[in-house]
N, C-alpha and C. Protein backbone atom coordinates (compact mmCIF):
# COMPACT_ATOMS: atom_id res chain seq x y z
N ASP A 1 -8.79 6.39 18.28
CA ASP A 1 -9.62 7.87 18.04
C ASP A 1 -9.59 7.64 16.53
N TYR A 2 -8.43 7.12 15.14
CA TYR A 2 -9.35 7.76 13.91
C TYR A 2 -10.07 7.22 13.04
N THR A 3 -11.59 7.76 12.93
CA THR A 3 -12.77 6.68 12.51
C THR A 3 -13.18 7.37 11.17
N PHE A 4 -13.41 7.05 9.95
CA PHE A 4 -14.10 6.72 8.84
C PHE A 4 -14.90 5.96 8.43
N THR A 5 -15.75 6.75 7.61
CA THR A 5 -16.88 5.93 6.71
C THR A 5 -16.93 4.86 6.20
N LEU A 6 -16.80 3.79 5.87
CA LEU A 6 -16.11 2.74 4.67
C LEU A 6 -17.17 2.47 3.54
N GLY A 7 -16.43 2.70 2.42
CA GLY A 7 -17.17 2.55 0.47
C GLY A 7 -16.94 0.99 0.56
N THR A 8 -18.04 0.96 -0.21
CA THR A 8 -18.08 -0.75 -0.81
C THR A 8 -17.39 -0.17 -1.93
N ILE A 9 -16.65 -1.00 -2.43
CA ILE A 9 -14.89 -1.33 -3.63
C ILE A 9 -16.37 -2.76 -4.25
N LYS A 10 -16.12 -3.40 -4.00
CA LYS A 10 -16.59 -4.64 -4.75
C LYS A 10 -17.09 -5.63 -3.57
N GLY A 11 -17.83 -6.43 -3.91
CA GLY A 11 -18.29 -7.42 -2.59
C GLY A 11 -18.25 -7.21 -1.05
N ASP A 12 -16.90 -7.67 -0.60
CA ASP A 12 -16.13 -7.41 0.73
C ASP A 12 -15.63 -6.58 0.66
N MET A 13 -14.82 -5.96 -0.46
CA MET A 13 -14.04 -5.19 -0.73
C MET A 13 -14.57 -3.45 0.09
N GLN A 14 -13.25 -3.13 1.21
CA GLN A 14 -13.55 -2.08 1.02
C GLN A 14 -12.44 -0.86 1.79
N CYS A 15 -13.35 0.53 1.14
CA CYS A 15 -11.99 1.54 1.82
C CYS A 15 -12.89 3.02 2.42
N ASP A 16 -12.04 3.46 3.22
CA ASP A 16 -12.74 4.75 2.84
C ASP A 16 -13.17 5.12 1.66
N GLU A 17 -14.34 5.65 2.29
CA GLU A 17 -14.89 5.88 1.83
C GLU A 17 -15.10 7.22 0.10
N ARG A 18 -14.14 8.48 1.12
CA ARG A 18 -13.80 9.35 0.22
C ARG A 18 -12.85 9.61 -0.89
N VAL A 19 -12.29 7.82 -0.60
CA VAL A 19 -11.42 7.69 -1.96
C VAL A 19 -12.13 7.10 -3.16
N LEU A 20 -13.23 6.28 -3.03
CA LEU A 20 -13.55 5.99 -4.13
C LEU A 20 -13.66 6.41 -5.17
N LYS A 21 -14.08 7.47 -5.34
CA LYS A 21 -13.99 8.49 -6.85
C LYS A 21 -12.70 8.22 -7.12
N PRO A 22 -11.26 8.85 -6.37
CA PRO A 22 -10.24 8.90 -6.79
C PRO A 22 -9.76 7.16 -7.94
N LEU A 23 -10.41 6.62 -6.77
CA LEU A 23 -9.87 5.15 -6.54
C LEU A 23 -11.24 4.74 -8.15
N PHE A 24 -11.63 4.98 -8.60
CA PHE A 24 -12.28 4.32 -9.43
C PHE A 24 -12.13 4.70 -10.86
N SER A 25 -11.76 6.03 -10.48
CA SER A 25 -11.00 7.17 -11.97
C SER A 25 -9.41 6.80 -11.86
N MET A 26 -9.22 6.45 -11.40
CA MET A 26 -8.19 5.41 -12.24
C MET A 26 -7.35 4.40 -12.37
N LEU A 27 -8.54 3.33 -12.06
CA LEU A 27 -8.61 1.81 -12.16
C LEU A 27 -9.84 1.97 -14.12
N GLN A 28 -9.83 3.28 -14.19
CA GLN A 28 -10.94 3.03 -15.35
C GLN A 28 -9.75 3.75 -16.62
N ALA A 29 -8.60 4.48 -15.50
CA ALA A 29 -7.36 5.39 -16.18
C ALA A 29 -6.85 3.98 -16.80
N ALA A 30 -6.36 3.63 -15.51
CA ALA A 30 -4.85 2.28 -16.10
C ALA A 30 -5.99 1.49 -17.37
N LYS A 31 -7.59 1.12 -17.54
CA LYS A 31 -8.00 -0.09 -18.32
C LYS A 31 -8.08 0.81 -19.65
N GLN A 32 -8.44 2.24 -19.63
CA GLN A 32 -8.30 2.52 -20.69
C GLN A 32 -7.03 2.81 -22.16
N ASP A 33 -5.34 2.36 -21.12
CA ASP A 33 -4.66 2.15 -21.19
C ASP A 33 -3.91 0.99 -21.68
N GLY A 34 -5.11 0.27 -21.41
CA GLY A 34 -4.56 -0.76 -21.35
C GLY A 34 -4.04 -1.96 -20.44
N VAL A 35 -4.54 -1.80 -19.42
CA VAL A 35 -3.89 -1.89 -17.82
C VAL A 35 -5.12 -2.05 -16.82
N THR A 36 -5.36 -3.40 -16.62
CA THR A 36 -6.10 -4.10 -15.41
C THR A 36 -5.48 -4.01 -14.32
N LEU A 37 -6.12 -3.04 -12.89
CA LEU A 37 -5.45 -3.63 -12.15
C LEU A 37 -6.12 -3.74 -11.20
N VAL A 38 -6.03 -5.01 -10.16
CA VAL A 38 -6.95 -5.38 -9.52
C VAL A 38 -6.44 -5.36 -7.92
N ILE A 39 -6.88 -4.89 -7.60
CA ILE A 39 -6.78 -4.18 -5.84
C ILE A 39 -7.11 -6.11 -5.26
N CYS A 40 -6.14 -6.66 -4.76
CA CYS A 40 -5.85 -7.48 -3.97
C CYS A 40 -6.44 -7.74 -2.42
N SER A 41 -5.77 -6.30 -2.06
CA SER A 41 -6.22 -5.91 -0.44
C SER A 41 -5.92 -4.72 -0.05
N PRO A 42 -7.34 -3.98 0.23
CA PRO A 42 -7.62 -2.59 0.60
C PRO A 42 -7.75 -2.95 1.73
N TYR A 43 -9.04 -2.34 2.52
CA TYR A 43 -9.57 -1.67 3.94
C TYR A 43 -9.38 -3.76 4.54
N ARG A 44 -8.53 -3.46 5.92
CA ARG A 44 -8.49 -4.76 6.75
C ARG A 44 -8.88 -4.26 8.24
N ASP A 45 -9.40 -4.62 8.84
CA ASP A 45 -9.31 -4.02 9.69
C ASP A 45 -8.12 -5.18 11.13
N MET A 46 -9.09 -4.66 12.70
CA MET A 46 -7.46 -4.78 13.63
C MET A 46 -7.48 -6.54 13.35
N LYS A 47 -8.53 -7.09 13.09
CA LYS A 47 -8.35 -8.48 13.22
C LYS A 47 -8.24 -9.40 12.45
N LYS A 48 -8.13 -8.74 11.16
CA LYS A 48 -6.82 -9.14 10.03
C LYS A 48 -5.65 -9.25 9.70
N GLN A 49 -5.87 -7.35 10.02
CA GLN A 49 -3.77 -7.47 10.31
C GLN A 49 -3.29 -8.43 11.40
N GLU A 50 -4.02 -8.79 12.29
CA GLU A 50 -3.57 -9.75 13.71
C GLU A 50 -3.04 -10.54 12.97
N VAL A 51 -4.22 -11.79 12.52
CA VAL A 51 -4.17 -12.98 11.76
C VAL A 51 -2.47 -12.49 10.76
N LEU A 52 -2.62 -11.62 9.79
CA LEU A 52 -1.55 -11.52 9.06
C LEU A 52 -0.03 -11.59 9.92
N PHE A 53 -0.34 -10.34 10.29
CA PHE A 53 1.30 -10.79 11.46
C PHE A 53 1.44 -11.91 12.15
N GLU A 54 0.80 -12.11 13.10
CA GLU A 54 0.48 -13.69 13.60
C GLU A 54 1.38 -14.17 12.46
N ARG A 55 0.41 -15.07 11.40
CA ARG A 55 0.44 -15.99 10.48
C ARG A 55 2.22 -15.67 10.07
N LYS A 56 3.02 -14.73 9.82
CA LYS A 56 3.79 -14.24 9.57
C LYS A 56 5.16 -14.55 11.01
N VAL A 57 5.44 -13.88 11.89
CA VAL A 57 5.34 -14.45 13.29
C VAL A 57 6.07 -15.72 13.51
N ASN A 58 4.78 -16.43 13.09
CA ASN A 58 4.86 -18.19 13.09
C ASN A 58 5.53 -18.83 12.07
N LYS A 59 5.81 -18.43 11.10
CA LYS A 59 5.97 -19.07 9.25
C LYS A 59 7.85 -18.83 10.14
N TYR A 60 8.39 -17.30 10.80
CA TYR A 60 9.56 -16.98 11.10
C TYR A 60 10.10 -18.10 12.31
N MET A 61 9.68 -18.20 12.94
CA MET A 61 9.65 -19.12 14.29
C MET A 61 10.33 -20.68 14.16
N ALA A 62 9.25 -20.80 12.75
CA ALA A 62 8.92 -22.59 12.54
C ALA A 62 10.04 -22.47 11.99
N LYS A 63 11.12 -21.29 11.13
CA LYS A 63 12.78 -21.91 10.62
C LYS A 63 13.48 -21.38 12.02
N GLY A 64 13.39 -21.23 13.00
CA GLY A 64 13.97 -21.33 14.39
C GLY A 64 14.37 -19.83 14.65
N TYR A 65 14.03 -18.70 14.34
CA TYR A 65 14.30 -17.83 15.31
C TYR A 65 13.34 -17.65 16.52
N SER A 66 13.83 -16.73 17.16
CA SER A 66 12.82 -16.50 18.39
C SER A 66 11.56 -15.72 17.96
N TYR A 67 10.91 -15.38 19.13
CA TYR A 67 9.44 -14.38 18.61
C TYR A 67 10.37 -13.75 19.01
N LEU A 68 11.19 -12.47 19.32
CA LEU A 68 11.43 -11.53 19.30
C LEU A 68 12.61 -11.11 17.88
N GLU A 69 13.05 -12.09 17.89
CA GLU A 69 13.90 -11.78 15.90
C GLU A 69 12.71 -11.86 15.51
N ALA A 70 12.27 -12.91 14.86
CA ALA A 70 9.87 -13.08 14.03
C ALA A 70 9.66 -11.86 14.11
N TYR A 71 9.42 -11.74 15.39
CA TYR A 71 8.71 -9.95 15.19
C TYR A 71 9.09 -8.63 14.96
N LYS A 72 10.58 -8.49 15.05
CA LYS A 72 10.92 -7.99 14.26
C LYS A 72 11.16 -7.88 11.92
N ILE A 73 11.54 -9.03 12.03
CA ILE A 73 11.52 -9.83 11.17
C ILE A 73 11.00 -9.58 10.14
N THR A 74 9.36 -9.84 10.77
CA THR A 74 7.97 -9.37 10.47
C THR A 74 7.34 -8.04 10.39
N SER A 75 7.77 -7.26 11.24
CA SER A 75 7.35 -5.95 11.00
C SER A 75 8.05 -4.85 10.16
N GLN A 76 8.97 -5.62 9.16
CA GLN A 76 9.14 -5.21 7.97
C GLN A 76 8.80 -4.93 7.27
N THR A 77 8.00 -6.33 6.82
CA THR A 77 6.53 -5.86 5.88
C THR A 77 5.36 -6.35 6.16
N VAL A 78 5.06 -6.60 7.19
CA VAL A 78 3.66 -6.68 7.16
C VAL A 78 4.07 -5.94 8.98
N THR A 79 2.81 -4.33 8.03
CA THR A 79 2.64 -3.56 9.50
C THR A 79 2.08 -4.04 10.62
N VAL A 80 2.46 -2.82 11.70
CA VAL A 80 2.27 -3.82 13.11
C VAL A 80 0.19 -3.52 13.28
N PRO A 81 0.10 -4.43 13.58
CA PRO A 81 -1.40 -4.38 13.83
C PRO A 81 -1.70 -3.07 14.79
N GLY A 82 -2.78 -2.04 14.54
CA GLY A 82 -2.49 -0.66 14.09
C GLY A 82 -2.52 0.53 14.50
N ALA A 83 -0.51 -0.49 13.54
CA ALA A 83 -0.62 1.14 12.48
C ALA A 83 -0.23 0.38 10.68
N SER A 84 -1.15 0.18 10.61
CA SER A 84 -1.08 -0.66 9.35
C SER A 84 -2.46 0.31 8.26
N GLU A 85 -1.72 1.12 7.22
CA GLU A 85 -1.92 2.07 7.08
C GLU A 85 -3.69 1.43 5.76
N HIS A 86 -3.38 0.46 5.91
CA HIS A 86 -4.81 -0.97 5.72
C HIS A 86 -5.55 -0.45 5.96
N GLN A 87 -5.93 0.02 7.72
CA GLN A 87 -6.26 0.03 8.96
C GLN A 87 -7.93 1.23 9.07
N ILE A 88 -6.73 1.81 8.06
CA ILE A 88 -7.51 3.16 7.72
C ILE A 88 -8.08 3.86 7.15
N GLY A 89 -8.32 3.02 5.56
CA GLY A 89 -8.82 2.68 4.31
C GLY A 89 -8.59 3.53 4.15
N LEU A 90 -7.04 3.97 3.84
CA LEU A 90 -6.28 4.95 2.95
C LEU A 90 -5.01 3.96 1.80
N ALA A 91 -4.83 2.29 1.61
CA ALA A 91 -3.77 1.63 1.17
C ALA A 91 -4.27 0.44 0.72
N PHE A 92 -3.65 0.54 -0.61
CA PHE A 92 -3.87 -0.27 -1.45
C PHE A 92 -3.17 -1.39 -2.48
N ASP A 93 -2.72 -2.38 -2.60
CA ASP A 93 -2.01 -3.69 -2.77
C ASP A 93 -2.72 -3.60 -3.67
N PHE A 94 -1.86 -4.00 -5.15
CA PHE A 94 -2.19 -4.30 -6.02
C PHE A 94 -1.86 -5.56 -7.06
N ILE A 95 -2.50 -6.20 -7.68
CA ILE A 95 -1.90 -7.06 -8.54
C ILE A 95 -2.57 -6.15 -9.98
N SER A 96 -2.03 -7.51 -11.18
CA SER A 96 -2.66 -7.12 -12.89
C SER A 96 -3.12 -8.85 -12.74
N ASN A 97 -3.54 -8.78 -14.37
CA ASN A 97 -3.82 -10.04 -15.07
C ASN A 97 -2.83 -10.78 -15.23
N ASP A 98 -1.81 -10.37 -15.78
CA ASP A 98 -0.64 -10.73 -15.70
C ASP A 98 0.60 -10.49 -14.97
N TYR A 99 0.27 -10.42 -13.97
CA TYR A 99 0.81 -10.58 -12.79
C TYR A 99 0.13 -10.43 -11.06
N ARG A 100 0.50 -11.32 -10.94
CA ARG A 100 -0.67 -12.32 -9.69
C ARG A 100 -0.02 -12.05 -8.52
N THR A 101 1.45 -11.10 -7.99
CA THR A 101 2.64 -12.04 -7.77
C THR A 101 2.31 -9.61 -6.47
N LEU A 102 2.73 -10.36 -5.19
CA LEU A 102 3.37 -9.35 -4.81
C LEU A 102 4.74 -9.45 -4.99
N ASP A 103 5.52 -9.58 -4.99
CA ASP A 103 6.91 -9.62 -4.69
C ASP A 103 7.35 -8.23 -6.12
N TYR A 104 8.93 -7.84 -5.64
CA TYR A 104 9.79 -6.71 -6.22
C TYR A 104 9.34 -6.78 -8.02
N GLY A 105 8.91 -7.62 -8.46
CA GLY A 105 8.53 -8.01 -10.26
C GLY A 105 7.30 -6.78 -10.38
N PHE A 106 6.50 -7.18 -9.28
CA PHE A 106 5.43 -6.14 -9.69
C PHE A 106 5.86 -5.09 -10.08
N GLU A 107 6.89 -5.06 -10.52
CA GLU A 107 7.71 -3.29 -10.11
C GLU A 107 7.80 -3.09 -12.33
N ASN A 108 7.96 -4.13 -12.69
CA ASN A 108 8.58 -4.34 -14.45
C ASN A 108 7.44 -4.96 -14.43
N CYS A 109 5.77 -5.10 -14.53
CA CYS A 109 4.83 -5.99 -15.24
C CYS A 109 4.53 -4.41 -15.75
N ASP A 110 3.38 -4.23 -16.50
CA ASP A 110 2.96 -3.36 -16.86
C ASP A 110 2.11 -2.04 -16.40
N ALA A 111 1.45 -3.18 -14.75
CA ALA A 111 0.71 -2.29 -13.66
C ALA A 111 1.69 -1.62 -13.36
N GLY A 112 2.75 -2.57 -12.70
CA GLY A 112 3.09 -1.51 -12.01
C GLY A 112 4.02 -0.43 -12.64
N LYS A 113 4.11 -0.42 -13.54
CA LYS A 113 4.75 0.83 -14.27
C LYS A 113 3.85 1.96 -14.45
N TRP A 114 2.56 1.88 -14.95
CA TRP A 114 1.13 2.37 -14.77
C TRP A 114 1.25 2.84 -13.85
N LEU A 115 1.10 1.86 -12.61
CA LEU A 115 0.81 3.13 -11.18
C LEU A 115 1.95 3.98 -10.79
N LYS A 116 3.49 3.43 -11.49
CA LYS A 116 4.04 3.80 -11.04
C LYS A 116 4.49 6.08 -11.24
N GLU A 117 3.81 5.71 -12.96
CA GLU A 117 3.97 7.09 -13.91
C GLU A 117 2.60 7.92 -13.45
N HIS A 118 1.61 6.87 -12.82
CA HIS A 118 0.47 7.90 -13.23
C HIS A 118 -0.48 7.44 -12.03
N SER A 119 -0.55 6.83 -10.89
CA SER A 119 -0.41 7.42 -9.25
C SER A 119 -1.15 8.16 -9.12
N CYS A 120 -0.26 9.34 -8.52
CA CYS A 120 -0.13 10.50 -8.60
C CYS A 120 -1.50 11.51 -9.00
N GLU A 121 -2.08 10.87 -10.40
CA GLU A 121 -2.43 12.44 -10.93
C GLU A 121 -4.13 11.88 -10.44
N TYR A 122 -3.81 10.84 -9.22
CA TYR A 122 -5.11 10.00 -8.84
C TYR A 122 -5.50 10.69 -7.42
N GLY A 123 -4.06 11.24 -6.76
CA GLY A 123 -4.18 10.86 -5.87
C GLY A 123 -3.57 10.32 -4.65
N PHE A 124 -2.44 9.15 -5.42
CA PHE A 124 -1.62 8.02 -4.83
C PHE A 124 -0.15 8.32 -4.86
N ILE A 125 0.19 7.42 -3.75
CA ILE A 125 2.30 7.68 -4.23
C ILE A 125 1.94 5.93 -4.22
N LEU A 126 3.19 6.08 -4.32
CA LEU A 126 4.19 4.31 -4.04
C LEU A 126 4.51 4.83 -2.84
N ARG A 127 3.78 3.68 -1.77
CA ARG A 127 4.39 4.25 -0.33
C ARG A 127 5.68 4.06 0.31
N TYR A 128 6.33 2.94 -0.33
CA TYR A 128 7.96 2.08 0.22
C TYR A 128 8.45 1.95 -0.53
N PRO A 129 8.92 3.22 -1.21
CA PRO A 129 9.69 3.21 -2.12
C PRO A 129 11.20 2.12 -2.12
N PHE A 130 12.29 1.73 -3.00
CA PHE A 130 12.99 0.68 -3.17
C PHE A 130 13.96 1.81 -2.07
N GLU A 131 14.36 2.22 -2.87
CA GLU A 131 15.73 3.66 -1.76
C GLU A 131 15.25 4.02 -0.99
N LYS A 132 14.25 3.96 -0.29
CA LYS A 132 13.87 5.15 0.97
C LYS A 132 13.06 3.21 1.87
N MET A 133 13.55 2.08 1.67
CA MET A 133 13.30 1.44 3.34
C MET A 133 13.67 2.26 4.04
N ASP A 134 14.87 2.42 4.65
CA ASP A 134 16.40 2.85 5.69
C ASP A 134 15.13 3.99 6.14
N ILE A 135 14.17 5.24 5.50
CA ILE A 135 13.16 5.92 6.13
C ILE A 135 11.93 5.70 6.14
N THR A 136 11.75 4.79 5.23
CA THR A 136 9.86 4.28 6.16
C THR A 136 10.10 3.22 6.87
N GLY A 137 11.46 2.51 7.25
CA GLY A 137 11.00 0.91 8.31
C GLY A 137 10.83 0.02 7.57
N ILE A 138 9.72 0.41 6.46
CA ILE A 138 8.67 -1.53 5.86
C ILE A 138 9.86 -1.43 4.31
N ASP A 139 9.87 -3.02 4.07
CA ASP A 139 10.96 -3.21 2.99
C ASP A 139 9.89 -3.24 1.69
N TYR A 140 10.38 -2.73 0.49
CA TYR A 140 10.21 -2.13 -0.77
C TYR A 140 9.27 -2.96 -1.41
N GLU A 141 7.67 -2.62 -1.58
CA GLU A 141 6.57 -3.12 -1.09
C GLU A 141 5.89 -1.98 -3.20
N PRO A 142 6.25 -2.86 -4.45
CA PRO A 142 6.30 -1.64 -5.70
C PRO A 142 4.62 -2.32 -5.37
N TRP A 143 4.06 -2.54 -5.10
CA TRP A 143 2.30 -3.31 -5.29
C TRP A 143 1.64 -2.21 -4.31
N HIS A 144 2.40 -1.50 -2.76
CA HIS A 144 1.75 -0.95 -2.79
C HIS A 144 1.45 0.29 -2.84
N PHE A 145 0.05 1.18 -2.90
CA PHE A 145 -0.01 3.05 -2.79
C PHE A 145 -1.14 2.89 -1.85
N ARG A 146 -0.87 4.25 -1.31
CA ARG A 146 -1.76 4.88 -0.55
C ARG A 146 -2.03 6.19 -1.25
N TYR A 147 -3.83 6.19 -0.72
CA TYR A 147 -3.94 7.43 -1.15
C TYR A 147 -3.65 8.72 0.18
N VAL A 148 -3.19 10.34 -0.34
CA VAL A 148 -2.71 11.28 0.23
C VAL A 148 -3.66 12.48 -0.38
N GLY A 149 -3.86 12.45 -1.36
CA GLY A 149 -4.81 13.35 -2.92
C GLY A 149 -3.75 13.72 -3.80
N VAL A 150 -4.23 14.87 -4.25
CA VAL A 150 -3.82 14.58 -5.64
C VAL A 150 -2.43 15.80 -5.19
N GLU A 151 -3.00 16.80 -4.58
CA GLU A 151 -1.33 18.07 -4.48
C GLU A 151 -0.18 16.90 -3.84
N ALA A 152 -1.06 16.21 -2.41
CA ALA A 152 0.37 15.73 -1.70
C ALA A 152 1.30 14.70 -2.85
N ALA A 153 0.48 14.35 -3.77
CA ALA A 153 1.03 13.04 -3.72
C ALA A 153 1.97 13.35 -4.89
N THR A 154 1.58 14.63 -6.01
CA THR A 154 1.99 15.12 -7.14
C THR A 154 3.23 15.77 -6.43
N LEU A 155 3.51 16.36 -5.28
CA LEU A 155 4.41 16.84 -5.01
C LEU A 155 5.69 15.58 -3.97
N ILE A 156 5.72 14.66 -3.62
CA ILE A 156 5.85 13.90 -3.51
C ILE A 156 6.44 12.67 -4.55
N MET A 157 5.63 12.40 -5.41
CA MET A 157 6.50 11.43 -6.58
C MET A 157 7.53 12.65 -7.14
N ASN A 158 7.07 13.52 -7.54
CA ASN A 158 8.28 14.57 -8.49
C ASN A 158 9.20 14.54 -7.47
N GLU A 159 9.29 14.87 -6.05
CA GLU A 159 9.86 15.30 -5.12
C GLU A 159 10.92 14.18 -4.70
N GLY A 160 10.38 12.50 -4.85
CA GLY A 160 10.97 11.91 -5.47
C GLY A 160 11.33 11.56 -3.01
N LEU A 161 9.71 11.29 -2.64
CA LEU A 161 9.59 11.77 -1.45
C LEU A 161 9.11 11.04 -1.03
N THR A 162 8.88 10.07 0.71
CA THR A 162 8.43 9.49 0.91
C THR A 162 7.32 10.24 2.03
N LEU A 163 5.73 9.49 2.37
CA LEU A 163 4.89 10.47 2.95
C LEU A 163 5.81 10.79 4.08
N GLU A 164 6.61 10.09 4.52
CA GLU A 164 7.58 10.84 6.31
C GLU A 164 8.20 11.73 5.68
N GLU A 165 8.84 11.35 5.04
CA GLU A 165 10.13 13.48 4.75
C GLU A 165 8.52 14.12 4.04
N PHE A 166 7.75 14.00 3.81
CA PHE A 166 6.76 15.06 2.52
C PHE A 166 5.87 15.45 4.36
N THR A 167 5.53 15.05 5.44
CA THR A 167 4.94 15.44 6.52
C THR A 167 5.88 16.11 7.14
N THR A 168 7.43 15.31 7.41
CA THR A 168 8.54 16.10 8.08
C THR A 168 8.70 17.94 7.35
N GLN A 169 9.05 17.90 5.57
CA GLN A 169 9.58 18.95 5.60
C GLN A 169 7.96 20.07 5.44
N TYR A 170 7.56 19.34 4.84
CA TYR A 170 5.78 20.67 4.30
C TYR A 170 4.69 20.51 5.63
N LEU A 171 5.00 19.65 6.28
CA LEU A 171 2.93 19.79 7.11
C LEU A 171 4.30 20.12 8.98
N LYS A 172 4.89 20.73 8.81
CA LYS A 172 5.63 21.31 9.48
C LYS A 172 4.72 22.43 11.06
């Protein structure tokens, strides 16, 4: 039942309109620091999330996994349709002009380092940290950032928390 108004980032790329200002401010600040952040996956509707999930399940099944095994493995890297933060317009996958792959190596490129250090200043958090995969249930994604607001993001990043830990500890 969650509803929100979509705002346009550019072209057909959209997100929750309330996030546009901090998102654009963050992109501009990175650029001023010589880092180009490229949004490669903002808001996704249900159909897009279903296609991404199904494609990954089929990939694993083609390697010999059963449907249930493929589903379980896929759900660690592609969120189950209906549960993705991309579907609520608050999550963004980033790449850069000098690193265009969504893999662990992103953490070592200038864009990955810049985001990890500065994203909270604009209300964004690294959503799936490496050392917290057991808590988030999702594999490490150094390119995936979620908007939570500056106050929450600063606390989350400074305390080394996940969103799950933050909501449990601070939103009781």
